Each structure stands twice: as C-alpha cells, then as structure tokens.
Amino acid sequence: MEAPPLPKIISGVEYLKAPEPEYPPLSKRMGEEGRVTLRVLVNEKGNPDQVNVQQTSGSSRLDEEARQAILRSQFKPHIEDGKAIAVYTIVPITFHLDN
C-alpha cells in the first residue's frame, strides 16, 4: 500500500478570515521589526493544521505571534478536480512599526 502523496505547495491561497497579528508589546517597546515566513499546512476544511517558521524575523516573539495569528485565521479550502484537498502554502507576515 502506497503512502498518500504529500500535500503540494501552492501560492495565492485566499483567506476567509485573514491573519491579524498583534504586535507583542515588548517587541514594540524594543523597536523590533521583521518579516516572518511561515509554512502552513491547510487542511480540506481550510483550517491551518501545522504552522512552521520557515524563515525567522530574528525575534522569537514576532515569530510566535505570526504563528498564532495564522492559527487563528481561516483559509478558503483548495479545490482540485472538484474536491477540497490539503495543501501547503507559504505565508509572509511583516511586523513594521510606524514611527
């Protein structure tokens, strides 16, 4: 029996509920900014099943908040051949302070 194929990586997924990261107060005070790139496994229902940091922002606080924001979000299920399937997508989250 063959293992099911690994979900493929797609770009341009749509959100039903976009991620809304909250700036960690300590990061804000310390002037931390950065961009986190996350690898997200989106299941057939459009829920984020796994969220892993692919490229760090350089701040573990920002990385973790980006991860949590994705876990709170909802994706539009990816449809292929009329069926919803699990896929990976790469999501960048940028933290930028308006000075």
PDB file of N, CA and C in Angstrom:
ATOM      1  N   MET A   1       0.840  -1.185   0.000  1.00  0.00           N
ATOM      2  CA  MET A   1       0.000   0.000   0.000  1.00  0.00           C
ATOM      3  C   MET A   1       0.887   1.251   0.000  1.00  0.00           C
ATOM      4  N   GLU A   2       0.613   2.181  -0.900  1.00  0.00           N
ATOM      5  CA  GLU A   2       1.420   3.391  -1.006  1.00  0.00           C
ATOM      6  C   GLU A   2       0.956   4.438  -0.008  1.00  0.00           C
ATOM      7  N   ALA A   3       1.917   5.193   0.484  1.00  0.00           N
ATOM      8  CA  ALA A   3       1.560   6.321   1.356  1.00  0.00           C
ATOM      9  C   ALA A   3       0.911   7.386   0.487  1.00  0.00           C
ATOM     10  N   PRO A   4      -0.051   8.125   1.050  1.00  0.00           N
ATOM     11  CA  PRO A   4      -0.654   9.184   0.244  1.00  0.00           C
ATOM     12  C   PRO A   4       0.392  10.227  -0.106  1.00  0.00           C
ATOM     13  N   PRO A   5       0.267  10.852  -1.270  1.00  0.00           N
ATOM     14  CA  PRO A   5       1.275  11.850  -1.646  1.00  0.00           C
ATOM     15  C   PRO A   5       1.258  13.013  -0.656  1.00  0.00           C
ATOM     16  N   LEU A   6       2.418  13.592  -0.456  1.00  0.00           N
ATOM     17  CA  LEU A   6       2.490  14.753   0.431  1.00  0.00           C
ATOM     18  C   LEU A   6       1.724  15.906  -0.202  1.00  0.00           C
ATOM     19  N   PRO A   7       1.076  16.732   0.617  1.00  0.00           N
ATOM     20  CA  PRO A   7       0.389  17.891   0.031  1.00  0.00           C
ATOM     21  C   PRO A   7       1.382  18.765  -0.717  1.00  0.00           C
ATOM     22  N   LYS A   8       0.950  19.295  -1.838  1.00  0.00           N
ATOM     23  CA  LYS A   8       1.849  20.150  -2.607  1.00  0.00           C
ATOM     24  C   LYS A   8       1.790  21.571  -2.077  1.00  0.00           C
ATOM     25  N   ILE A   9       2.796  22.346  -2.438  1.00  0.00           N
ATOM     26  CA  ILE A   9       2.852  23.739  -2.018  1.00  0.00           C
ATOM     27  C   ILE A   9       2.201  24.596  -3.100  1.00  0.00           C
ATOM     28  N   ILE A  10       1.234  25.391  -2.712  1.00  0.00           N
ATOM     29  CA  ILE A  10       0.589  26.279  -3.675  1.00  0.00           C
ATOM     30  C   ILE A  10       0.759  27.718  -3.203  1.00  0.00           C
ATOM     31  N   SER A  11       0.633  28.638  -4.136  1.00  0.00           N
ATOM     32  CA  SER A  11       0.697  30.042  -3.742  1.00  0.00           C
ATOM     33  C   SER A  11      -0.657  30.660  -4.060  1.00  0.00           C
ATOM     34  N   GLY A  12      -0.900  31.806  -3.503  1.00  0.00           N
ATOM     35  CA  GLY A  12      -2.133  32.511  -3.820  1.00  0.00           C
ATOM     36  C   GLY A  12      -3.362  31.921  -3.167  1.00  0.00           C
ATOM     37  N   VAL A  13      -3.211  31.354  -1.979  1.00  0.00           N
ATOM     38  CA  VAL A  13      -4.407  30.892  -1.279  1.00  0.00           C
ATOM     39  C   VAL A  13      -5.206  32.106  -0.826  1.00  0.00           C
ATOM     40  N   GLU A  14      -6.489  31.910  -0.686  1.00  0.00           N
ATOM     41  CA  GLU A  14      -7.337  33.006  -0.245  1.00  0.00           C
ATOM     42  C   GLU A  14      -7.765  32.751   1.192  1.00  0.00           C
ATOM     43  N   TYR A  15      -8.036  33.853   1.877  1.00  0.00           N
ATOM     44  CA  TYR A  15      -8.475  33.748   3.265  1.00  0.00           C
ATOM     45  C   TYR A  15      -9.980  33.949   3.362  1.00  0.00           C
ATOM     46  N   LEU A  16     -10.591  33.228   4.273  1.00  0.00           N
ATOM     47  CA  LEU A  16     -11.960  33.537   4.681  1.00  0.00           C
ATOM     48  C   LEU A  16     -11.857  34.468   5.886  1.00  0.00           C
ATOM     49  N   LYS A  17     -10.819  34.250   6.680  1.00  0.00           N
ATOM     50  CA  LYS A  17     -10.526  35.129   7.817  1.00  0.00           C
ATOM     51  C   LYS A  17      -9.017  35.352   7.799  1.00  0.00           C
ATOM     52  N   ALA A  18      -8.616  36.538   7.380  1.00  0.00           N
ATOM     53  CA  ALA A  18      -7.187  36.845   7.244  1.00  0.00           C
ATOM     54  C   ALA A  18      -6.503  36.912   8.605  1.00  0.00           C
ATOM     55  N   PRO A  19      -5.204  36.587   8.659  1.00  0.00           N
ATOM     56  CA  PRO A  19      -4.481  36.688   9.925  1.00  0.00           C
ATOM     57  C   PRO A  19      -4.368  38.139  10.368  1.00  0.00           C
ATOM     58  N   GLU A  20      -4.564  38.353  11.651  1.00  0.00           N
ATOM     59  CA  GLU A  20      -4.423  39.694  12.221  1.00  0.00           C
ATOM     60  C   GLU A  20      -3.441  39.628  13.376  1.00  0.00           C
ATOM     61  N   PRO A  21      -2.138  39.636  13.050  1.00  0.00           N
ATOM     62  CA  PRO A  21      -1.157  39.551  14.126  1.00  0.00           C
ATOM     63  C   PRO A  21      -1.204  40.797  15.010  1.00  0.00           C
ATOM     64  N   GLU A  22      -1.046  40.585  16.300  1.00  0.00           N
ATOM     65  CA  GLU A  22      -0.979  41.705  17.237  1.00  0.00           C
ATOM     66  C   GLU A  22       0.492  41.913  17.576  1.00  0.00           C
ATOM     67  N   TYR A  23       0.917  43.149  17.532  1.00  0.00           N
ATOM     68  CA  TYR A  23       2.327  43.440  17.831  1.00  0.00           C
ATOM     69  C   TYR A  23       2.594  43.123  19.298  1.00  0.00           C
ATOM     70  N   PRO A  24       3.519  42.235  19.604  1.00  0.00           N
ATOM     71  CA  PRO A  24       3.833  41.977  21.018  1.00  0.00           C
ATOM     72  C   PRO A  24       4.313  43.270  21.690  1.00  0.00           C
ATOM     73  N   PRO A  25       3.719  43.647  22.837  1.00  0.00           N
ATOM     74  CA  PRO A  25       4.075  44.913  23.496  1.00  0.00           C
ATOM     75  C   PRO A  25       5.569  45.077  23.743  1.00  0.00           C
ATOM     76  N   LEU A  26       6.247  44.011  24.162  1.00  0.00           N
ATOM     77  CA  LEU A  26       7.680  44.105  24.440  1.00  0.00           C
ATOM     78  C   LEU A  26       8.457  44.364  23.147  1.00  0.00           C
ATOM     79  N   SER A  27       8.047  43.695  22.062  1.00  0.00           N
ATOM     80  CA  SER A  27       8.703  43.913  20.766  1.00  0.00           C
ATOM     81  C   SER A  27       8.517  45.352  20.311  1.00  0.00           C
ATOM     82  N   LYS A  28       7.320  45.894  20.565  1.00  0.00           N
ATOM     83  CA  LYS A  28       7.024  47.282  20.193  1.00  0.00           C
ATOM     84  C   LYS A  28       7.943  48.225  20.970  1.00  0.00           C
ATOM     85  N   ARG A  29       8.044  47.986  22.282  1.00  0.00           N
ATOM     86  CA  ARG A  29       8.893  48.841  23.123  1.00  0.00           C
ATOM     87  C   ARG A  29      10.360  48.765  22.707  1.00  0.00           C
ATOM     88  N   MET A  30      10.785  47.568  22.298  1.00  0.00           N
ATOM     89  CA  MET A  30      12.190  47.369  21.933  1.00  0.00           C
ATOM     90  C   MET A  30      12.457  47.730  20.475  1.00  0.00           C
ATOM     91  N   GLY A  31      11.416  48.134  19.755  1.00  0.00           N
ATOM     92  CA  GLY A  31      11.594  48.533  18.365  1.00  0.00           C
ATOM     93  C   GLY A  31      11.896  47.382  17.424  1.00  0.00           C
ATOM     94  N   GLU A  32      11.443  46.172  17.790  1.00  0.00           N
ATOM     95  CA  GLU A  32      11.703  45.010  16.934  1.00  0.00           C
ATOM     96  C   GLU A  32      10.771  45.024  15.724  1.00  0.00           C
ATOM     97  N   GLU A  33      11.368  44.843  14.556  1.00  0.00           N
ATOM     98  CA  GLU A  33      10.604  44.731  13.325  1.00  0.00           C
ATOM     99  C   GLU A  33      11.134  43.520  12.574  1.00  0.00           C
ATOM    100  N   GLY A  34      10.357  43.035  11.634  1.00  0.00           N
ATOM    101  CA  GLY A  34      10.868  41.940  10.829  1.00  0.00           C
ATOM    102  C   GLY A  34       9.772  41.261  10.042  1.00  0.00           C
ATOM    103  N   ARG A  35      10.231  40.342   9.213  1.00  0.00           N
ATOM    104  CA  ARG A  35       9.320  39.585   8.372  1.00  0.00           C
ATOM    105  C   ARG A  35       9.528  38.105   8.682  1.00  0.00           C
ATOM    106  N   VAL A  36       8.442  37.437   8.978  1.00  0.00           N
ATOM    107  CA  VAL A  36       8.456  36.009   9.283  1.00  0.00           C
ATOM    108  C   VAL A  36       7.859  35.286   8.090  1.00  0.00           C
ATOM    109  N   THR A  37       8.493  34.234   7.631  1.00  0.00           N
ATOM    110  CA  THR A  37       7.908  33.421   6.566  1.00  0.00           C
ATOM    111  C   THR A  37       7.493  32.094   7.182  1.00  0.00           C
ATOM    112  N   LEU A  38       6.206  31.773   7.031  1.00  0.00           N
ATOM    113  CA  LEU A  38       5.647  30.570   7.638  1.00  0.00           C
ATOM    114  C   LEU A  38       5.228  29.570   6.569  1.00  0.00           C
ATOM    115  N   ARG A  39       5.417  28.306   6.882  1.00  0.00           N
ATOM    116  CA  ARG A  39       4.943  27.218   6.011  1.00  0.00           C
ATOM    117  C   ARG A  39       3.724  26.634   6.700  1.00  0.00           C
ATOM    118  N   VAL A  40       2.587  26.701   6.012  1.00  0.00           N
ATOM    119  CA  VAL A  40       1.311  26.337   6.631  1.00  0.00           C
ATOM    120  C   VAL A  40       0.689  25.148   5.902  1.00  0.00           C
ATOM    121  N   LEU A  41       0.289  24.150   6.672  1.00  0.00           N
ATOM    122  CA  LEU A  41      -0.469  23.032   6.113  1.00  0.00           C
ATOM    123  C   LEU A  41      -1.945  23.360   6.311  1.00  0.00           C
ATOM    124  N   VAL A  42      -2.629  23.601   5.199  1.00  0.00           N
ATOM    125  CA  VAL A  42      -4.051  23.944   5.234  1.00  0.00           C
ATOM    126  C   VAL A  42      -4.836  22.670   4.923  1.00  0.00           C
ATOM    127  N   ASN A  43      -5.733  22.275   5.841  1.00  0.00           N
ATOM    128  CA  ASN A  43      -6.478  21.033   5.617  1.00  0.00           C
ATOM    129  C   ASN A  43      -7.657  21.239   4.661  1.00  0.00           C
ATOM    130  N   GLU A  44      -8.406  20.165   4.415  1.00  0.00           N
ATOM    131  CA  GLU A  44      -9.508  20.198   3.451  1.00  0.00           C
ATOM    132  C   GLU A  44     -10.588  21.208   3.836  1.00  0.00           C
ATOM    133  N   LYS A  45     -10.695  21.502   5.119  1.00  0.00           N
ATOM    134  CA  LYS A  45     -11.722  22.446   5.581  1.00  0.00           C
ATOM    135  C   LYS A  45     -11.229  23.895   5.543  1.00  0.00           C
ATOM    136  N   GLY A  46      -9.934  24.072   5.227  1.00  0.00           N
ATOM    137  CA  GLY A  46      -9.384  25.417   5.185  1.00  0.00           C
ATOM    138  C   GLY A  46      -8.776  25.860   6.505  1.00  0.00           C
ATOM    139  N   ASN A  47      -8.657  24.918   7.431  1.00  0.00           N
ATOM    140  CA  ASN A  47      -8.050  25.246   8.724  1.00  0.00           C
ATOM    141  C   ASN A  47      -6.540  25.018   8.670  1.00  0.00           C
ATOM    142  N   PRO A  48      -5.772  25.882   9.354  1.00  0.00           N
ATOM    143  CA  PRO A  48      -4.325  25.661   9.413  1.00  0.00           C
ATOM    144  C   PRO A  48      -4.011  24.529  10.385  1.00  0.00           C
ATOM    145  N   ASP A  49      -3.519  23.409   9.871  1.00  0.00           N
ATOM    146  CA  ASP A  49      -3.208  22.240  10.706  1.00  0.00           C
ATOM    147  C   ASP A  49      -1.826  22.335  11.325  1.00  0.00           C
ATOM    148  N   GLN A  50      -0.866  22.820  10.547  1.00  0.00           N
ATOM    149  CA  GLN A  50       0.518  22.932  11.015  1.00  0.00           C
ATOM    150  C   GLN A  50       1.042  24.274  10.556  1.00  0.00           C
ATOM    151  N   VAL A  51       1.728  24.947  11.451  1.00  0.00           N
ATOM    152  CA  VAL A  51       2.347  26.221  11.086  1.00  0.00           C
ATOM    153  C   VAL A  51       3.787  26.191  11.575  1.00  0.00           C
ATOM    154  N   ASN A  52       4.723  26.221  10.634  1.00  0.00           N
ATOM    155  CA  ASN A  52       6.139  26.184  10.984  1.00  0.00           C
ATOM    156  C   ASN A  52       6.850  27.410  10.436  1.00  0.00           C
ATOM    157  N   VAL A  53       7.778  27.931  11.231  1.00  0.00           N
ATOM    158  CA  VAL A  53       8.566  29.078  10.789  1.00  0.00           C
ATOM    159  C   VAL A  53       9.576  28.580   9.766  1.00  0.00           C
ATOM    160  N   GLN A  54       9.493  29.106   8.561  1.00  0.00           N
ATOM    161  CA  GLN A  54      10.444  28.727   7.518  1.00  0.00           C
ATOM    162  C   GLN A  54      11.628  29.687   7.522  1.00  0.00           C
ATOM    163  N   GLN A  55      11.337  30.967   7.754  1.00  0.00           N
ATOM    164  CA  GLN A  55      12.405  31.958   7.860  1.00  0.00           C
ATOM    165  C   GLN A  55      12.044  32.907   9.000  1.00  0.00           C
ATOM    166  N   THR A  56      12.924  33.001   9.967  1.00  0.00           N
ATOM    167  CA  THR A  56      12.668  33.790  11.160  1.00  0.00           C
ATOM    168  C   THR A  56      12.805  35.288  10.890  1.00  0.00           C
ATOM    169  N   SER A  57      12.110  36.058  11.705  1.00  0.00           N
ATOM    170  CA  SER A  57      12.216  37.517  11.639  1.00  0.00           C
ATOM    171  C   SER A  57      13.448  37.985  12.404  1.00  0.00           C
ATOM    172  N   GLY A  58      14.017  37.063  13.175  1.00  0.00           N
ATOM    173  CA  GLY A  58      15.133  37.425  14.044  1.00  0.00           C
ATOM    174  C   GLY A  58      14.658  37.636  15.482  1.00  0.00           C
ATOM    175  N   SER A  59      13.334  37.639  15.673  1.00  0.00           N
ATOM    176  CA  SER A  59      12.759  37.785  17.014  1.00  0.00           C
ATOM    177  C   SER A  59      11.810  36.626  17.275  1.00  0.00           C
ATOM    178  N   SER A  60      12.077  35.857  18.332  1.00  0.00           N
ATOM    179  CA  SER A  60      11.198  34.718  18.636  1.00  0.00           C
ATOM    180  C   SER A  60       9.793  35.196  19.010  1.00  0.00           C
ATOM    181  N   ARG A  61       9.702  36.398  19.604  1.00  0.00           N
ATOM    182  CA  ARG A  61       8.365  36.933  19.952  1.00  0.00           C
ATOM    183  C   ARG A  61       7.535  37.199  18.700  1.00  0.00           C
ATOM    184  N   LEU A  62       8.162  37.847  17.707  1.00  0.00           N
ATOM    185  CA  LEU A  62       7.440  38.135  16.462  1.00  0.00           C
ATOM    186  C   LEU A  62       7.100  36.841  15.725  1.00  0.00           C
ATOM    187  N   ASP A  63       8.040  35.904  15.706  1.00  0.00           N
ATOM    188  CA  ASP A  63       7.800  34.618  15.035  1.00  0.00           C
ATOM    189  C   ASP A  63       6.594  33.914  15.654  1.00  0.00           C
ATOM    190  N   GLU A  64       6.551  33.879  16.983  1.00  0.00           N
ATOM    191  CA  GLU A  64       5.469  33.162  17.671  1.00  0.00           C
ATOM    192  C   GLU A  64       4.133  33.869  17.470  1.00  0.00           C
ATOM    193  N   GLU A  65       4.114  35.186  17.493  1.00  0.00           N
ATOM    194  CA  GLU A  65       2.860  35.919  17.267  1.00  0.00           C
ATOM    195  C   GLU A  65       2.357  35.683  15.840  1.00  0.00           C
ATOM    196  N   ALA A  66       3.259  35.642  14.876  1.00  0.00           N
ATOM    197  CA  ALA A  66       2.867  35.364  13.492  1.00  0.00           C
ATOM    198  C   ALA A  66       2.261  33.962  13.400  1.00  0.00           C
ATOM    199  N   ARG A  67       2.887  33.012  14.092  1.00  0.00           N
ATOM    200  CA  ARG A  67       2.383  31.626  14.115  1.00  0.00           C
ATOM    201  C   ARG A  67       0.970  31.580  14.699  1.00  0.00           C
ATOM    202  N   GLN A  68       0.784  32.260  15.822  1.00  0.00           N
ATOM    203  CA  GLN A  68      -0.528  32.273  16.478  1.00  0.00           C
ATOM    204  C   GLN A  68      -1.579  32.960  15.600  1.00  0.00           C
ATOM    205  N   ALA A  69      -1.188  34.033  14.918  1.00  0.00           N
ATOM    206  CA  ALA A  69      -2.121  34.754  14.039  1.00  0.00           C
ATOM    207  C   ALA A  69      -2.605  33.833  12.917  1.00  0.00           C
ATOM    208  N   ILE A  70      -1.701  33.032  12.369  1.00  0.00           N
ATOM    209  CA  ILE A  70      -2.094  32.097  11.307  1.00  0.00           C
ATOM    210  C   ILE A  70      -3.013  31.021  11.868  1.00  0.00           C
ATOM    211  N   LEU A  71      -2.713  30.542  13.077  1.00  0.00           N
ATOM    212  CA  LEU A  71      -3.562  29.519  13.688  1.00  0.00           C
ATOM    213  C   LEU A  71      -4.982  30.031  13.946  1.00  0.00           C
ATOM    214  N   ARG A  72      -5.128  31.348  14.122  1.00  0.00           N
ATOM    215  CA  ARG A  72      -6.461  31.944  14.344  1.00  0.00           C
ATOM    216  C   ARG A  72      -7.176  32.257  13.026  1.00  0.00           C
ATOM    217  N   SER A  73      -6.448  32.158  11.910  1.00  0.00           N
ATOM    218  CA  SER A  73      -7.042  32.537  10.626  1.00  0.00           C
ATOM    219  C   SER A  73      -7.773  31.355   9.994  1.00  0.00           C
ATOM    220  N   GLN A  74      -8.454  31.639   8.903  1.00  0.00           N
ATOM    221  CA  GLN A  74      -9.203  30.602   8.176  1.00  0.00           C
ATOM    222  C   GLN A  74      -8.943  30.785   6.685  1.00  0.00           C
ATOM    223  N   PHE A  75      -8.589  29.714   6.019  1.00  0.00           N
ATOM    224  CA  PHE A  75      -8.308  29.755   4.592  1.00  0.00           C
ATOM    225  C   PHE A  75      -9.506  29.244   3.803  1.00  0.00           C
ATOM    226  N   LYS A  76      -9.559  29.651   2.552  1.00  0.00           N
ATOM    227  CA  LYS A  76     -10.547  29.103   1.634  1.00  0.00           C
ATOM    228  C   LYS A  76     -10.022  27.725   1.240  1.00  0.00           C
ATOM    229  N   PRO A  77     -10.809  26.662   1.388  1.00  0.00           N
ATOM    230  CA  PRO A  77     -10.302  25.329   1.024  1.00  0.00           C
ATOM    231  C   PRO A  77      -9.814  25.306  -0.431  1.00  0.00           C
ATOM    232  N   HIS A  78      -8.724  24.583  -0.662  1.00  0.00           N
ATOM    233  CA  HIS A  78      -8.166  24.469  -2.020  1.00  0.00           C
ATOM    234  C   HIS A  78      -8.900  23.334  -2.742  1.00  0.00           C
ATOM    235  N   ILE A  79      -9.516  23.667  -3.863  1.00  0.00           N
ATOM    236  CA  ILE A  79     -10.308  22.685  -4.620  1.00  0.00           C
ATOM    237  C   ILE A  79      -9.527  22.227  -5.847  1.00  0.00           C
ATOM    238  N   GLU A  80      -9.439  20.931  -6.000  1.00  0.00           N
ATOM    239  CA  GLU A  80      -8.821  20.348  -7.183  1.00  0.00           C
ATOM    240  C   GLU A  80      -9.688  19.197  -7.655  1.00  0.00           C
ATOM    241  N   ASP A  81     -10.014  19.197  -8.934  1.00  0.00           N
ATOM    242  CA  ASP A  81     -10.905  18.173  -9.503  1.00  0.00           C
ATOM    243  C   ASP A  81     -12.209  18.075  -8.707  1.00  0.00           C
ATOM    244  N   GLY A  82     -12.720  19.240  -8.283  1.00  0.00           N
ATOM    245  CA  GLY A  82     -13.996  19.261  -7.566  1.00  0.00           C
ATOM    246  C   GLY A  82     -13.928  18.813  -6.116  1.00  0.00           C
ATOM    247  N   LYS A  83     -12.715  18.513  -5.617  1.00  0.00           N
ATOM    248  CA  LYS A  83     -12.580  18.054  -4.230  1.00  0.00           C
ATOM    249  C   LYS A  83     -11.648  18.976  -3.462  1.00  0.00           C
ATOM    250  N   ALA A  84     -11.998  19.221  -2.207  1.00  0.00           N
ATOM    251  CA  ALA A  84     -11.105  20.002  -1.339  1.00  0.00           C
ATOM    252  C   ALA A  84      -9.950  19.096  -0.925  1.00  0.00           C
ATOM    253  N   ILE A  85      -8.728  19.622  -1.036  1.00  0.00           N
ATOM    254  CA  ILE A  85      -7.556  18.838  -0.639  1.00  0.00           C
ATOM    255  C   ILE A  85      -6.658  19.663   0.283  1.00  0.00           C
ATOM    256  N   ALA A  86      -5.848  18.957   1.063  1.00  0.00           N
ATOM    257  CA  ALA A  86      -4.884  19.622   1.937  1.00  0.00           C
ATOM    258  C   ALA A  86      -3.700  20.090   1.100  1.00  0.00           C
ATOM    259  N   VAL A  87      -3.224  21.291   1.392  1.00  0.00           N
ATOM    260  CA  VAL A  87      -2.074  21.846   0.674  1.00  0.00           C
ATOM    261  C   VAL A  87      -1.186  22.611   1.646  1.00  0.00           C
ATOM    262  N   TYR A  88       0.058  22.789   1.240  1.00  0.00           N
ATOM    263  CA  TYR A  88       0.960  23.678   1.961  1.00  0.00           C
ATOM    264  C   TYR A  88       0.948  25.022   1.272  1.00  0.00           C
ATOM    265  N   THR A  89       1.091  26.082   2.040  1.00  0.00           N
ATOM    266  CA  THR A  89       1.268  27.399   1.454  1.00  0.00           C
ATOM    267  C   THR A  89       2.296  28.152   2.278  1.00  0.00           C
ATOM    268  N   ILE A  90       2.942  29.102   1.651  1.00  0.00           N
ATOM    269  CA  ILE A  90       3.955  29.912   2.324  1.00  0.00           C
ATOM    270  C   ILE A  90       3.345  31.284   2.581  1.00  0.00           C
ATOM    271  N   VAL A  91       3.364  31.701   3.835  1.00  0.00           N
ATOM    272  CA  VAL A  91       2.736  32.957   4.212  1.00  0.00           C
ATOM    273  C   VAL A  91       3.761  33.888   4.866  1.00  0.00           C
ATOM    274  N   PRO A  92       4.008  35.052   4.280  1.00  0.00           N
ATOM    275  CA  PRO A  92       4.882  36.036   4.939  1.00  0.00           C
ATOM    276  C   PRO A  92       4.047  36.953   5.831  1.00  0.00           C
ATOM    277  N   ILE A  93       4.543  37.254   7.014  1.00  0.00           N
ATOM    278  CA  ILE A  93       3.906  38.201   7.915  1.00  0.00           C
ATOM    279  C   ILE A  93       4.968  39.244   8.264  1.00  0.00           C
ATOM    280  N   THR A  94       4.654  40.506   8.017  1.00  0.00           N
ATOM    281  CA  THR A  94       5.620  41.573   8.286  1.00  0.00           C
ATOM    282  C   THR A  94       5.178  42.392   9.489  1.00  0.00           C
ATOM    283  N   PHE A  95       6.112  42.591  10.398  1.00  0.00           N
ATOM    284  CA  PHE A  95       5.874  43.456  11.550  1.00  0.00           C
ATOM    285  C   PHE A  95       6.652  44.736  11.290  1.00  0.00           C
ATOM    286  N   HIS A  96       5.928  45.862  11.249  1.00  0.00           N
ATOM    287  CA  HIS A  96       6.572  47.140  10.952  1.00  0.00           C
ATOM    288  C   HIS A  96       6.006  48.207  11.870  1.00  0.00           C
ATOM    289  N   LEU A  97       6.879  48.906  12.540  1.00  0.00           N
ATOM    290  CA  LEU A  97       6.450  49.988  13.426  1.00  0.00           C
ATOM    291  C   LEU A  97       6.331  51.283  12.643  1.00  0.00           C
ATOM    292  N   ASP A  98       5.244  51.990  12.846  1.00  0.00           N
ATOM    293  CA  ASP A  98       5.085  53.304  12.221  1.00  0.00           C
ATOM    294  C   ASP A  98       5.673  54.331  13.164  1.00  0.00           C
ATOM    295  N   ASN A  99       6.825  54.847  12.812  1.00  0.00           N
ATOM    296  CA  ASN A  99       7.487  55.821  13.689  1.00  0.00           C
ATOM    297  C   ASN A  99       7.008  57.218  13.379  1.00  0.00           C
TER     298      ASN A  99
END
